[in-house]
Amino acid sequence: MNRKDILNDPIKSLNLKNNVQVAFYDLSKTIAGDRWFVRVCCVAKLPLLDVFFEGLEEDKEIVNAMKEACDAELTMEIVKDRNFIDEQLKDDVVKQFILQIEENSIGYMSSDIFPQKLFLSKFEEFKKKHLLTKASEGNSASRDVLDEDDGPTDFSACFQD
């Protein structure tokens, strides 16, 4: 199941002054009888602007690959969950999670430095993955030779008296 299919109707949304959009999703589900697995997911979205890439002395290939992969936006998720919650307490726990995230994270997310910090974090993460993928593709030919099966290994020399 695609994550975007799960996150379709937020229970609360905020538009912050720095162009960050925050949405809260209730991903709770019943686990046994009247017991719930309560999960709240907070998703912060930021448009991926060309201005973020200015001043980076990176390979244009990595920059273009990130622009294509991110689909014009950066996202960050905060997830809070608790297990085996009574059905009567479920809504209160959801409200508590939203309040905790608002108190602990919204102030930082609404700061002027958050968009650039999020971009730099996501860029470094993407760059590492991209370089690893590129390196593994370059080594696939040599790995194919090593992976060829030569049949069973002969250990008979280990068992001589």
N, C-alpha and C. Protein backbone atom coordinates (compact mmCIF):
# COMPACT_ATOMS: atom_id res chain seq x y z
N MET A 1 0.84 -1.18 0.00
CA MET A 1 0.00 0.00 0.00
C MET A 1 0.89 1.24 0.00
N ASN A 2 0.54 2.18 -0.82
CA ASN A 2 1.31 3.42 -0.94
C ASN A 2 1.03 4.33 0.25
N ARG A 3 2.08 4.96 0.78
CA ARG A 3 1.96 5.86 1.93
C ARG A 3 1.00 7.01 1.63
N LYS A 4 1.01 7.51 0.40
CA LYS A 4 0.12 8.61 0.03
C LYS A 4 -1.34 8.18 0.07
N ASP A 5 -1.63 6.89 -0.15
CA ASP A 5 -3.00 6.40 -0.05
C ASP A 5 -3.48 6.41 1.40
N ILE A 6 -2.59 6.13 2.34
CA ILE A 6 -2.94 6.10 3.74
C ILE A 6 -3.18 7.51 4.27
N LEU A 7 -2.37 8.44 3.84
CA LEU A 7 -2.43 9.80 4.35
C LEU A 7 -3.31 10.67 3.45
N ASN A 8 -4.62 10.47 3.51
CA ASN A 8 -5.46 11.23 2.61
C ASN A 8 -6.33 12.29 3.30
N ASP A 9 -6.78 12.08 4.51
CA ASP A 9 -7.64 13.04 5.21
C ASP A 9 -7.02 13.44 6.54
N PRO A 10 -6.35 14.58 6.58
CA PRO A 10 -5.75 15.00 7.85
C PRO A 10 -6.83 15.37 8.86
N ILE A 11 -6.52 15.13 10.14
CA ILE A 11 -7.46 15.53 11.19
C ILE A 11 -7.20 16.97 11.61
N LYS A 12 -6.02 17.50 11.23
CA LYS A 12 -5.69 18.89 11.52
C LYS A 12 -4.60 19.33 10.56
N SER A 13 -4.70 20.58 10.08
CA SER A 13 -3.70 21.13 9.17
C SER A 13 -3.29 22.52 9.62
N LEU A 14 -2.03 22.85 9.36
CA LEU A 14 -1.50 24.18 9.67
C LEU A 14 -0.67 24.66 8.48
N ASN A 15 -0.78 25.95 8.17
CA ASN A 15 0.09 26.58 7.18
C ASN A 15 0.97 27.56 7.95
N LEU A 16 2.25 27.26 8.01
CA LEU A 16 3.17 28.08 8.78
C LEU A 16 3.68 29.26 7.96
N LYS A 17 4.18 30.27 8.63
CA LYS A 17 4.60 31.52 7.98
C LYS A 17 5.78 31.34 7.03
N ASN A 18 6.54 30.26 7.18
CA ASN A 18 7.72 30.03 6.34
C ASN A 18 7.44 29.09 5.17
N ASN A 19 6.17 28.97 4.79
CA ASN A 19 5.75 28.18 3.63
C ASN A 19 5.73 26.67 3.90
N VAL A 20 5.82 26.27 5.14
CA VAL A 20 5.75 24.86 5.51
C VAL A 20 4.29 24.52 5.81
N GLN A 21 3.83 23.42 5.25
CA GLN A 21 2.48 22.94 5.51
C GLN A 21 2.59 21.71 6.42
N VAL A 22 1.83 21.74 7.51
CA VAL A 22 1.86 20.65 8.48
C VAL A 22 0.48 20.01 8.54
N ALA A 23 0.46 18.68 8.51
CA ALA A 23 -0.80 17.96 8.60
C ALA A 23 -0.65 16.81 9.60
N PHE A 24 -1.71 16.58 10.37
CA PHE A 24 -1.74 15.49 11.34
C PHE A 24 -2.72 14.43 10.86
N TYR A 25 -2.29 13.18 10.94
CA TYR A 25 -3.11 12.05 10.49
C TYR A 25 -3.28 11.06 11.62
N ASP A 26 -4.49 10.55 11.75
CA ASP A 26 -4.78 9.51 12.73
C ASP A 26 -4.68 8.17 12.02
N LEU A 27 -3.66 7.41 12.32
CA LEU A 27 -3.44 6.10 11.69
C LEU A 27 -3.73 4.95 12.66
N SER A 28 -4.60 5.21 13.62
CA SER A 28 -4.92 4.23 14.65
C SER A 28 -5.72 3.07 14.07
N LYS A 29 -5.63 1.91 14.74
CA LYS A 29 -6.40 0.74 14.32
C LYS A 29 -6.67 -0.15 15.52
N THR A 30 -7.76 -0.89 15.43
CA THR A 30 -8.09 -1.83 16.51
C THR A 30 -7.15 -3.02 16.43
N ILE A 31 -6.83 -3.55 17.62
CA ILE A 31 -5.94 -4.72 17.63
C ILE A 31 -6.61 -5.94 18.26
N ALA A 32 -7.48 -5.70 19.25
CA ALA A 32 -8.18 -6.84 19.87
C ALA A 32 -9.37 -6.31 20.67
N GLY A 33 -10.55 -6.65 20.25
CA GLY A 33 -11.74 -6.23 20.98
C GLY A 33 -11.84 -4.72 21.06
N ASP A 34 -11.76 -4.20 22.29
CA ASP A 34 -11.87 -2.75 22.49
C ASP A 34 -10.50 -2.09 22.68
N ARG A 35 -9.44 -2.75 22.25
CA ARG A 35 -8.08 -2.22 22.40
C ARG A 35 -7.57 -1.69 21.06
N TRP A 36 -6.83 -0.58 21.14
CA TRP A 36 -6.37 0.10 19.95
C TRP A 36 -4.86 0.28 19.96
N PHE A 37 -4.30 0.27 18.77
CA PHE A 37 -2.95 0.74 18.53
C PHE A 37 -3.13 2.17 18.03
N VAL A 38 -2.76 3.15 18.85
CA VAL A 38 -2.98 4.55 18.52
C VAL A 38 -1.71 5.12 17.91
N ARG A 39 -1.84 5.66 16.71
CA ARG A 39 -0.70 6.24 16.00
C ARG A 39 -1.13 7.56 15.36
N VAL A 40 -0.33 8.59 15.61
CA VAL A 40 -0.52 9.89 14.98
C VAL A 40 0.73 10.20 14.18
N CYS A 41 0.54 10.60 12.94
CA CYS A 41 1.65 10.95 12.06
C CYS A 41 1.52 12.43 11.70
N CYS A 42 2.56 13.17 11.96
CA CYS A 42 2.63 14.59 11.60
C CYS A 42 3.56 14.69 10.39
N VAL A 43 3.06 15.26 9.31
CA VAL A 43 3.85 15.40 8.09
C VAL A 43 4.03 16.88 7.78
N ALA A 44 5.29 17.30 7.71
CA ALA A 44 5.62 18.67 7.32
C ALA A 44 6.09 18.63 5.87
N LYS A 45 5.47 19.47 5.03
CA LYS A 45 5.83 19.53 3.62
C LYS A 45 6.33 20.92 3.28
N LEU A 46 7.35 20.94 2.46
CA LEU A 46 7.97 22.19 2.04
C LEU A 46 8.24 22.12 0.54
N PRO A 47 7.80 23.13 -0.21
CA PRO A 47 8.11 23.12 -1.64
C PRO A 47 9.63 23.15 -1.86
N LEU A 48 10.10 22.34 -2.79
CA LEU A 48 11.53 22.29 -3.13
C LEU A 48 11.81 23.42 -4.12
N LEU A 49 12.45 24.45 -3.64
CA LEU A 49 12.72 25.63 -4.45
C LEU A 49 14.16 25.62 -4.98
N ASP A 50 14.35 26.21 -6.15
CA ASP A 50 15.69 26.29 -6.74
C ASP A 50 16.65 27.08 -5.86
N VAL A 51 16.12 28.02 -5.08
CA VAL A 51 16.97 28.84 -4.22
C VAL A 51 17.73 28.00 -3.20
N PHE A 52 17.19 26.84 -2.81
CA PHE A 52 17.87 25.97 -1.87
C PHE A 52 19.19 25.44 -2.45
N PHE A 53 19.22 25.25 -3.76
CA PHE A 53 20.40 24.67 -4.40
C PHE A 53 21.49 25.70 -4.68
N GLU A 54 21.14 26.99 -4.57
CA GLU A 54 22.12 28.04 -4.83
C GLU A 54 23.25 27.96 -3.79
N GLY A 55 24.46 28.08 -4.26
CA GLY A 55 25.60 28.04 -3.37
C GLY A 55 26.13 26.64 -3.11
N LEU A 56 25.42 25.62 -3.56
CA LEU A 56 25.93 24.26 -3.40
C LEU A 56 26.97 23.99 -4.48
N GLU A 57 28.09 23.47 -4.08
CA GLU A 57 29.14 23.13 -5.04
C GLU A 57 29.10 21.62 -5.28
N GLU A 58 27.96 21.17 -5.74
CA GLU A 58 27.76 19.74 -5.96
C GLU A 58 27.64 19.44 -7.44
N ASP A 59 27.83 18.19 -7.75
CA ASP A 59 27.68 17.70 -9.11
C ASP A 59 26.24 17.95 -9.57
N LYS A 60 26.09 18.50 -10.76
CA LYS A 60 24.75 18.80 -11.32
C LYS A 60 23.90 17.53 -11.45
N GLU A 61 24.55 16.39 -11.64
CA GLU A 61 23.83 15.13 -11.75
C GLU A 61 23.07 14.83 -10.45
N ILE A 62 23.73 15.04 -9.32
CA ILE A 62 23.09 14.80 -8.02
C ILE A 62 21.95 15.79 -7.80
N VAL A 63 22.18 17.05 -8.13
CA VAL A 63 21.15 18.07 -7.96
C VAL A 63 19.93 17.73 -8.80
N ASN A 64 20.14 17.39 -10.07
CA ASN A 64 19.02 17.05 -10.95
C ASN A 64 18.31 15.78 -10.51
N ALA A 65 19.08 14.80 -10.04
CA ALA A 65 18.47 13.55 -9.57
C ALA A 65 17.60 13.80 -8.35
N MET A 66 18.05 14.68 -7.45
CA MET A 66 17.24 14.99 -6.27
C MET A 66 15.97 15.74 -6.65
N LYS A 67 16.10 16.69 -7.56
CA LYS A 67 14.91 17.43 -8.00
C LYS A 67 13.87 16.49 -8.58
N GLU A 68 14.33 15.51 -9.33
CA GLU A 68 13.42 14.55 -9.95
C GLU A 68 12.82 13.60 -8.90
N ALA A 69 13.64 13.13 -7.98
CA ALA A 69 13.20 12.15 -6.98
C ALA A 69 12.24 12.75 -5.95
N CYS A 70 12.43 14.01 -5.58
CA CYS A 70 11.63 14.63 -4.53
C CYS A 70 10.26 15.08 -5.01
N ASP A 71 10.04 15.11 -6.30
CA ASP A 71 8.74 15.49 -6.84
C ASP A 71 8.30 16.87 -6.34
N ALA A 72 9.24 17.81 -6.34
CA ALA A 72 9.00 19.23 -6.04
C ALA A 72 8.66 19.55 -4.59
N GLU A 73 8.84 18.58 -3.67
CA GLU A 73 8.62 18.92 -2.26
C GLU A 73 9.47 18.05 -1.35
N LEU A 74 9.79 18.62 -0.20
CA LEU A 74 10.52 17.91 0.85
C LEU A 74 9.52 17.58 1.95
N THR A 75 9.67 16.43 2.57
CA THR A 75 8.78 16.05 3.66
C THR A 75 9.57 15.58 4.87
N MET A 76 8.97 15.79 6.01
CA MET A 76 9.52 15.28 7.27
C MET A 76 8.34 14.73 8.06
N GLU A 77 8.53 13.60 8.70
CA GLU A 77 7.46 12.98 9.47
C GLU A 77 7.86 12.84 10.94
N ILE A 78 6.88 13.04 11.79
CA ILE A 78 7.02 12.76 13.22
C ILE A 78 5.88 11.80 13.55
N VAL A 79 6.23 10.67 14.14
CA VAL A 79 5.22 9.66 14.46
C VAL A 79 5.22 9.40 15.96
N LYS A 80 4.05 9.38 16.53
CA LYS A 80 3.88 9.02 17.94
C LYS A 80 2.88 7.88 17.99
N ASP A 81 3.18 6.87 18.82
CA ASP A 81 2.22 5.77 18.94
C ASP A 81 2.27 5.14 20.32
N ARG A 82 1.17 4.51 20.66
CA ARG A 82 1.03 3.73 21.89
C ARG A 82 0.15 2.53 21.58
N ASN A 83 0.45 1.45 22.26
CA ASN A 83 -0.24 0.19 22.00
C ASN A 83 -1.18 -0.18 23.14
N PHE A 84 -2.22 -0.91 22.79
CA PHE A 84 -3.15 -1.51 23.73
C PHE A 84 -3.90 -0.45 24.56
N ILE A 85 -4.44 0.55 23.87
CA ILE A 85 -5.18 1.65 24.50
C ILE A 85 -6.67 1.31 24.48
N ASP A 86 -7.32 1.54 25.58
CA ASP A 86 -8.77 1.31 25.70
C ASP A 86 -9.49 2.19 24.68
N GLU A 87 -10.54 1.66 24.09
CA GLU A 87 -11.30 2.38 23.06
C GLU A 87 -11.83 3.72 23.58
N GLN A 88 -12.21 3.77 24.83
CA GLN A 88 -12.75 5.01 25.41
C GLN A 88 -11.68 6.08 25.56
N LEU A 89 -10.40 5.70 25.61
CA LEU A 89 -9.30 6.65 25.79
C LEU A 89 -8.61 7.02 24.47
N LYS A 90 -8.99 6.36 23.40
CA LYS A 90 -8.31 6.53 22.12
C LYS A 90 -8.28 7.99 21.66
N ASP A 91 -9.43 8.67 21.65
CA ASP A 91 -9.49 10.05 21.18
C ASP A 91 -8.66 10.99 22.05
N ASP A 92 -8.64 10.73 23.34
CA ASP A 92 -7.83 11.55 24.25
C ASP A 92 -6.33 11.37 23.97
N VAL A 93 -5.92 10.15 23.68
CA VAL A 93 -4.51 9.88 23.38
C VAL A 93 -4.13 10.56 22.06
N VAL A 94 -5.01 10.53 21.07
CA VAL A 94 -4.74 11.20 19.79
C VAL A 94 -4.56 12.70 20.03
N LYS A 95 -5.46 13.30 20.79
CA LYS A 95 -5.36 14.73 21.10
C LYS A 95 -4.07 15.04 21.86
N GLN A 96 -3.70 14.17 22.79
CA GLN A 96 -2.47 14.35 23.55
C GLN A 96 -1.24 14.31 22.63
N PHE A 97 -1.21 13.37 21.68
CA PHE A 97 -0.09 13.28 20.74
C PHE A 97 0.02 14.56 19.90
N ILE A 98 -1.11 15.05 19.42
CA ILE A 98 -1.11 16.28 18.61
C ILE A 98 -0.59 17.44 19.43
N LEU A 99 -1.05 17.54 20.66
CA LEU A 99 -0.60 18.62 21.54
C LEU A 99 0.90 18.53 21.82
N GLN A 100 1.41 17.32 22.05
CA GLN A 100 2.85 17.13 22.29
C GLN A 100 3.67 17.56 21.08
N ILE A 101 3.23 17.18 19.91
CA ILE A 101 3.97 17.54 18.70
C ILE A 101 3.93 19.05 18.50
N GLU A 102 2.78 19.65 18.71
CA GLU A 102 2.66 21.11 18.57
C GLU A 102 3.58 21.83 19.55
N GLU A 103 3.60 21.37 20.79
CA GLU A 103 4.42 22.02 21.81
C GLU A 103 5.91 21.83 21.56
N ASN A 104 6.29 20.67 21.07
CA ASN A 104 7.70 20.34 20.93
C ASN A 104 8.31 20.65 19.56
N SER A 105 7.50 20.70 18.52
CA SER A 105 8.08 20.79 17.18
C SER A 105 7.60 21.95 16.32
N ILE A 106 6.39 22.40 16.50
CA ILE A 106 5.86 23.44 15.61
C ILE A 106 6.65 24.73 15.72
N GLY A 107 7.13 25.07 16.89
CA GLY A 107 7.95 26.27 17.05
C GLY A 107 9.19 26.22 16.18
N TYR A 108 9.86 25.07 16.16
CA TYR A 108 11.06 24.91 15.33
C TYR A 108 10.68 24.89 13.85
N MET A 109 9.61 24.16 13.52
CA MET A 109 9.21 24.06 12.11
C MET A 109 8.80 25.42 11.55
N SER A 110 8.32 26.32 12.38
CA SER A 110 7.88 27.63 11.89
C SER A 110 9.01 28.66 11.87
N SER A 111 10.20 28.28 12.33
CA SER A 111 11.32 29.23 12.33
C SER A 111 11.82 29.48 10.90
N ASP A 112 12.50 30.58 10.73
CA ASP A 112 13.01 30.94 9.41
C ASP A 112 14.14 30.02 8.94
N ILE A 113 14.84 29.37 9.86
CA ILE A 113 15.96 28.51 9.48
C ILE A 113 15.52 27.08 9.14
N PHE A 114 14.30 26.70 9.52
CA PHE A 114 13.85 25.33 9.31
C PHE A 114 13.88 24.89 7.85
N PRO A 115 13.36 25.68 6.89
CA PRO A 115 13.38 25.20 5.50
C PRO A 115 14.79 24.86 5.00
N GLN A 116 15.76 25.71 5.27
CA GLN A 116 17.12 25.46 4.80
C GLN A 116 17.74 24.26 5.52
N LYS A 117 17.49 24.14 6.82
CA LYS A 117 18.03 23.00 7.58
C LYS A 117 17.41 21.69 7.08
N LEU A 118 16.11 21.69 6.83
CA LEU A 118 15.45 20.49 6.30
C LEU A 118 16.03 20.14 4.94
N PHE A 119 16.19 21.14 4.09
CA PHE A 119 16.76 20.89 2.76
C PHE A 119 18.16 20.28 2.87
N LEU A 120 19.02 20.89 3.68
CA LEU A 120 20.39 20.39 3.79
C LEU A 120 20.43 18.97 4.32
N SER A 121 19.57 18.67 5.28
CA SER A 121 19.50 17.32 5.83
C SER A 121 19.05 16.32 4.76
N LYS A 122 18.00 16.66 4.05
CA LYS A 122 17.48 15.77 3.00
C LYS A 122 18.47 15.66 1.84
N PHE A 123 19.17 16.74 1.53
CA PHE A 123 20.15 16.70 0.44
C PHE A 123 21.29 15.76 0.78
N GLU A 124 21.82 15.85 2.00
CA GLU A 124 22.92 14.96 2.41
C GLU A 124 22.47 13.50 2.40
N GLU A 125 21.27 13.25 2.89
CA GLU A 125 20.71 11.91 2.89
C GLU A 125 20.57 11.38 1.46
N PHE A 126 20.04 12.21 0.57
CA PHE A 126 19.86 11.80 -0.82
C PHE A 126 21.21 11.57 -1.50
N LYS A 127 22.16 12.45 -1.24
CA LYS A 127 23.48 12.36 -1.86
C LYS A 127 24.16 11.04 -1.49
N LYS A 128 24.09 10.65 -0.22
CA LYS A 128 24.70 9.38 0.21
C LYS A 128 24.06 8.20 -0.51
N LYS A 129 22.72 8.18 -0.55
CA LYS A 129 22.02 7.09 -1.24
C LYS A 129 22.35 7.06 -2.72
N HIS A 130 22.39 8.23 -3.33
CA HIS A 130 22.67 8.32 -4.77
C HIS A 130 24.07 7.80 -5.08
N LEU A 131 25.05 8.22 -4.29
CA LEU A 131 26.42 7.78 -4.53
C LEU A 131 26.59 6.29 -4.28
N LEU A 132 25.91 5.76 -3.26
CA LEU A 132 25.96 4.31 -3.01
C LEU A 132 25.33 3.53 -4.16
N THR A 133 24.21 4.01 -4.65
CA THR A 133 23.55 3.35 -5.77
C THR A 133 24.42 3.38 -7.01
N LYS A 134 25.02 4.52 -7.26
CA LYS A 134 25.89 4.67 -8.42
C LYS A 134 27.11 3.74 -8.30
N ALA A 135 27.69 3.66 -7.11
CA ALA A 135 28.85 2.79 -6.90
C ALA A 135 28.48 1.32 -7.05
N SER A 136 27.31 0.95 -6.56
CA SER A 136 26.90 -0.46 -6.67
C SER A 136 26.58 -0.82 -8.11
N GLU A 137 26.05 0.11 -8.89
CA GLU A 137 25.79 -0.16 -10.30
C GLU A 137 27.09 -0.34 -11.06
N GLY A 138 28.12 0.42 -10.70
CA GLY A 138 29.42 0.30 -11.35
C GLY A 138 30.12 -1.00 -11.02
N ASN A 139 29.83 -1.56 -9.86
CA ASN A 139 30.47 -2.80 -9.45
C ASN A 139 29.65 -4.03 -9.79
N SER A 140 28.50 -3.88 -10.42
CA SER A 140 27.64 -5.03 -10.67
C SER A 140 28.27 -6.02 -11.64
N ALA A 141 29.03 -5.55 -12.62
CA ALA A 141 29.67 -6.46 -13.57
C ALA A 141 30.70 -7.33 -12.88
N SER A 142 31.52 -6.71 -12.01
CA SER A 142 32.53 -7.50 -11.31
C SER A 142 31.88 -8.43 -10.29
N ARG A 143 30.77 -8.00 -9.70
CA ARG A 143 30.07 -8.84 -8.74
C ARG A 143 29.42 -10.04 -9.43
N ASP A 144 28.96 -9.87 -10.68
CA ASP A 144 28.36 -10.98 -11.42
C ASP A 144 29.38 -12.09 -11.63
N VAL A 145 30.63 -11.74 -11.90
CA VAL A 145 31.68 -12.73 -12.08
C VAL A 145 31.92 -13.46 -10.77
N LEU A 146 31.93 -12.73 -9.65
CA LEU A 146 32.16 -13.35 -8.35
C LEU A 146 30.99 -14.22 -7.92
N ASP A 147 29.79 -13.86 -8.31
CA ASP A 147 28.59 -14.59 -7.89
C ASP A 147 28.34 -15.86 -8.69
N GLU A 148 29.11 -16.11 -9.74
CA GLU A 148 28.91 -17.32 -10.53
C GLU A 148 29.13 -18.54 -9.64
N ASP A 149 28.27 -19.52 -9.77
CA ASP A 149 28.33 -20.73 -8.95
C ASP A 149 29.27 -21.73 -9.60
N ASP A 150 30.34 -22.08 -8.90
CA ASP A 150 31.31 -23.06 -9.40
C ASP A 150 30.99 -24.46 -8.90
N GLY A 151 29.81 -24.65 -8.34
CA GLY A 151 29.46 -25.95 -7.79
C GLY A 151 29.84 -26.02 -6.32
N PRO A 152 29.65 -27.18 -5.72
CA PRO A 152 29.95 -27.31 -4.29
C PRO A 152 31.45 -27.23 -4.03
N THR A 153 31.78 -26.64 -2.90
CA THR A 153 33.18 -26.52 -2.52
C THR A 153 33.66 -27.87 -1.97
N ASP A 154 34.90 -28.24 -2.31
CA ASP A 154 35.46 -29.52 -1.88
C ASP A 154 36.19 -29.33 -0.56
N PHE A 155 35.62 -29.89 0.52
CA PHE A 155 36.23 -29.83 1.85
C PHE A 155 36.86 -31.16 2.26
N SER A 156 37.05 -32.06 1.30
CA SER A 156 37.54 -33.39 1.64
C SER A 156 38.93 -33.36 2.29
N ALA A 157 39.75 -32.37 1.98
CA ALA A 157 41.08 -32.28 2.55
C ALA A 157 41.03 -32.01 4.06
N CYS A 158 39.94 -31.47 4.52
CA CYS A 158 39.80 -31.18 5.96
C CYS A 158 39.54 -32.42 6.79
N PHE A 159 39.15 -33.52 6.14
CA PHE A 159 38.75 -34.72 6.89
C PHE A 159 39.71 -35.87 6.70
N GLN A 160 40.95 -35.63 6.34
CA GLN A 160 41.93 -36.70 6.20
C GLN A 160 42.61 -36.94 7.52
N ASP A 161 42.95 -38.20 7.78
CA ASP A 161 43.63 -38.54 9.04
C ASP A 161 45.08 -38.27 9.00
